[in-house]
Amino acid sequence: MDARDTMLVATIIGLAHSLDLKVVAEGVEYPSQKKVLEERNCDEIQGYLIARPTPTEQVLPFLRSNRPA
């Protein structure tokens, strides 16, 4: 991410938070992207860095096995 990208991300996150909205960043693929988003208090991230797409038939078993107690 260059300086302009970082400024744009910070602006979008700031605007959303000023409207009491949560921010979900999609398409996060690199640790450097995750770091920038965390430093700017992004609420949630998703993308290949976190998890690869899961085939449909594996979703329910995964959710059931990772359910909080």
C-alpha atoms as a PDB file:
ATOM      1  CA  MET A   1       0.000   0.000   0.000  1.00  0.00           C
ATOM      2  CA  ASP A   2       1.390   3.401  -0.867  1.00  0.00           C
ATOM      3  CA  ALA A   3       0.782   6.613   1.068  1.00  0.00           C
ATOM      4  CA  ARG A   4      -2.291   7.569  -0.988  1.00  0.00           C
ATOM      5  CA  ASP A   5      -3.878   4.154  -0.448  1.00  0.00           C
ATOM      6  CA  THR A   6      -3.186   4.378   3.273  1.00  0.00           C
ATOM      7  CA  MET A   7      -4.727   7.860   3.452  1.00  0.00           C
ATOM      8  CA  LEU A   8      -7.830   6.657   1.604  1.00  0.00           C
ATOM      9  CA  VAL A   9      -8.214   3.675   3.953  1.00  0.00           C
ATOM     10  CA  ALA A  10      -7.848   5.915   7.010  1.00  0.00           C
ATOM     11  CA  THR A  11     -10.438   8.344   5.621  1.00  0.00           C
ATOM     12  CA  ILE A  12     -12.988   5.625   4.886  1.00  0.00           C
ATOM     13  CA  ILE A  13     -12.537   4.012   8.301  1.00  0.00           C
ATOM     14  CA  GLY A  14     -12.789   7.402  10.029  1.00  0.00           C
ATOM     15  CA  LEU A  15     -15.944   8.333   8.118  1.00  0.00           C
ATOM     16  CA  ALA A  16     -17.618   5.004   8.884  1.00  0.00           C
ATOM     17  CA  HIS A  17     -16.750   5.219  12.559  1.00  0.00           C
ATOM     18  CA  SER A  18     -18.036   8.806  12.750  1.00  0.00           C
ATOM     19  CA  LEU A  19     -21.368   7.391  11.537  1.00  0.00           C
ATOM     20  CA  ASP A  20     -21.211   4.611  14.158  1.00  0.00           C
ATOM     21  CA  LEU A  21     -20.706   1.976  11.480  1.00  0.00           C
ATOM     22  CA  LYS A  22     -18.451  -1.052  11.703  1.00  0.00           C
ATOM     23  CA  VAL A  23     -15.851  -1.477   8.992  1.00  0.00           C
ATOM     24  CA  VAL A  24     -15.129  -4.813   7.310  1.00  0.00           C
ATOM     25  CA  ALA A  25     -12.139  -4.829   4.977  1.00  0.00           C
ATOM     26  CA  GLU A  26     -12.417  -7.479   2.280  1.00  0.00           C
ATOM     27  CA  GLY A  27      -9.698  -8.960   0.126  1.00  0.00           C
ATOM     28  CA  VAL A  28      -6.888  -8.745   2.684  1.00  0.00           C
ATOM     29  CA  GLU A  29      -4.057 -10.865   1.303  1.00  0.00           C
ATOM     30  CA  TYR A  30      -0.843  -9.585   2.883  1.00  0.00           C
ATOM     31  CA  PRO A  31       0.363  -9.030   6.443  1.00  0.00           C
ATOM     32  CA  SER A  32       1.268  -5.445   5.520  1.00  0.00           C
ATOM     33  CA  GLN A  33      -2.373  -4.755   4.604  1.00  0.00           C
ATOM     34  CA  LYS A  34      -3.555  -6.282   7.857  1.00  0.00           C
ATOM     35  CA  LYS A  35      -1.109  -4.119   9.810  1.00  0.00           C
ATOM     36  CA  VAL A  36      -2.318  -0.897   8.152  1.00  0.00           C
ATOM     37  CA  LEU A  37      -5.952  -1.807   8.822  1.00  0.00           C
ATOM     38  CA  GLU A  38      -5.299  -2.733  12.459  1.00  0.00           C
ATOM     39  CA  GLU A  39      -3.345   0.489  13.043  1.00  0.00           C
ATOM     40  CA  ARG A  40      -6.358   2.420  11.787  1.00  0.00           C
ATOM     41  CA  ASN A  41      -8.846   0.487  13.947  1.00  0.00           C
ATOM     42  CA  CYS A  42     -10.613  -1.421  11.201  1.00  0.00           C
ATOM     43  CA  ASP A  43     -13.231  -3.557  12.950  1.00  0.00           C
ATOM     44  CA  GLU A  44     -12.974  -6.771  10.919  1.00  0.00           C
ATOM     45  CA  ILE A  45     -10.903  -8.135   8.073  1.00  0.00           C
ATOM     46  CA  GLN A  46     -11.413 -11.010   5.697  1.00  0.00           C
ATOM     47  CA  GLY A  47      -9.540 -12.415   2.777  1.00  0.00           C
ATOM     48  CA  TYR A  48      -6.997 -15.041   1.780  1.00  0.00           C
ATOM     49  CA  LEU A  49      -4.673 -13.990   4.601  1.00  0.00           C
ATOM     50  CA  ILE A  50      -7.298 -15.092   7.130  1.00  0.00           C
ATOM     51  CA  ALA A  51      -8.820 -18.102   5.330  1.00  0.00           C
ATOM     52  CA  ARG A  52      -9.203 -19.510   1.855  1.00  0.00           C
ATOM     53  CA  PRO A  53     -12.714 -19.975   0.447  1.00  0.00           C
ATOM     54  CA  THR A  54     -14.371 -23.078   1.887  1.00  0.00           C
ATOM     55  CA  PRO A  55     -16.352 -25.526  -0.252  1.00  0.00           C
ATOM     56  CA  THR A  56     -20.053 -25.494   0.589  1.00  0.00           C
ATOM     57  CA  GLU A  57     -20.105 -29.036   1.952  1.00  0.00           C
ATOM     58  CA  GLN A  58     -17.417 -28.129   4.512  1.00  0.00           C
ATOM     59  CA  VAL A  59     -19.007 -24.962   5.900  1.00  0.00           C
ATOM     60  CA  LEU A  60     -21.542 -26.460   8.335  1.00  0.00           C
ATOM     61  CA  PRO A  61     -19.124 -29.043   9.804  1.00  0.00           C
ATOM     62  CA  PHE A  62     -16.549 -26.273  10.257  1.00  0.00           C
ATOM     63  CA  LEU A  63     -19.029 -23.984  12.006  1.00  0.00           C
ATOM     64  CA  ARG A  64     -20.282 -26.775  14.240  1.00  0.00           C
ATOM     65  CA  SER A  65     -16.792 -27.792  15.290  1.00  0.00           C
ATOM     66  CA  ASN A  66     -15.768 -24.190  16.032  1.00  0.00           C
ATOM     67  CA  ARG A  67     -18.896 -23.175  17.935  1.00  0.00           C
ATOM     68  CA  PRO A  68     -18.223 -21.351  21.239  1.00  0.00           C
ATOM     69  CA  ALA A  69     -19.147 -23.344  24.323  1.00  0.00           C
END
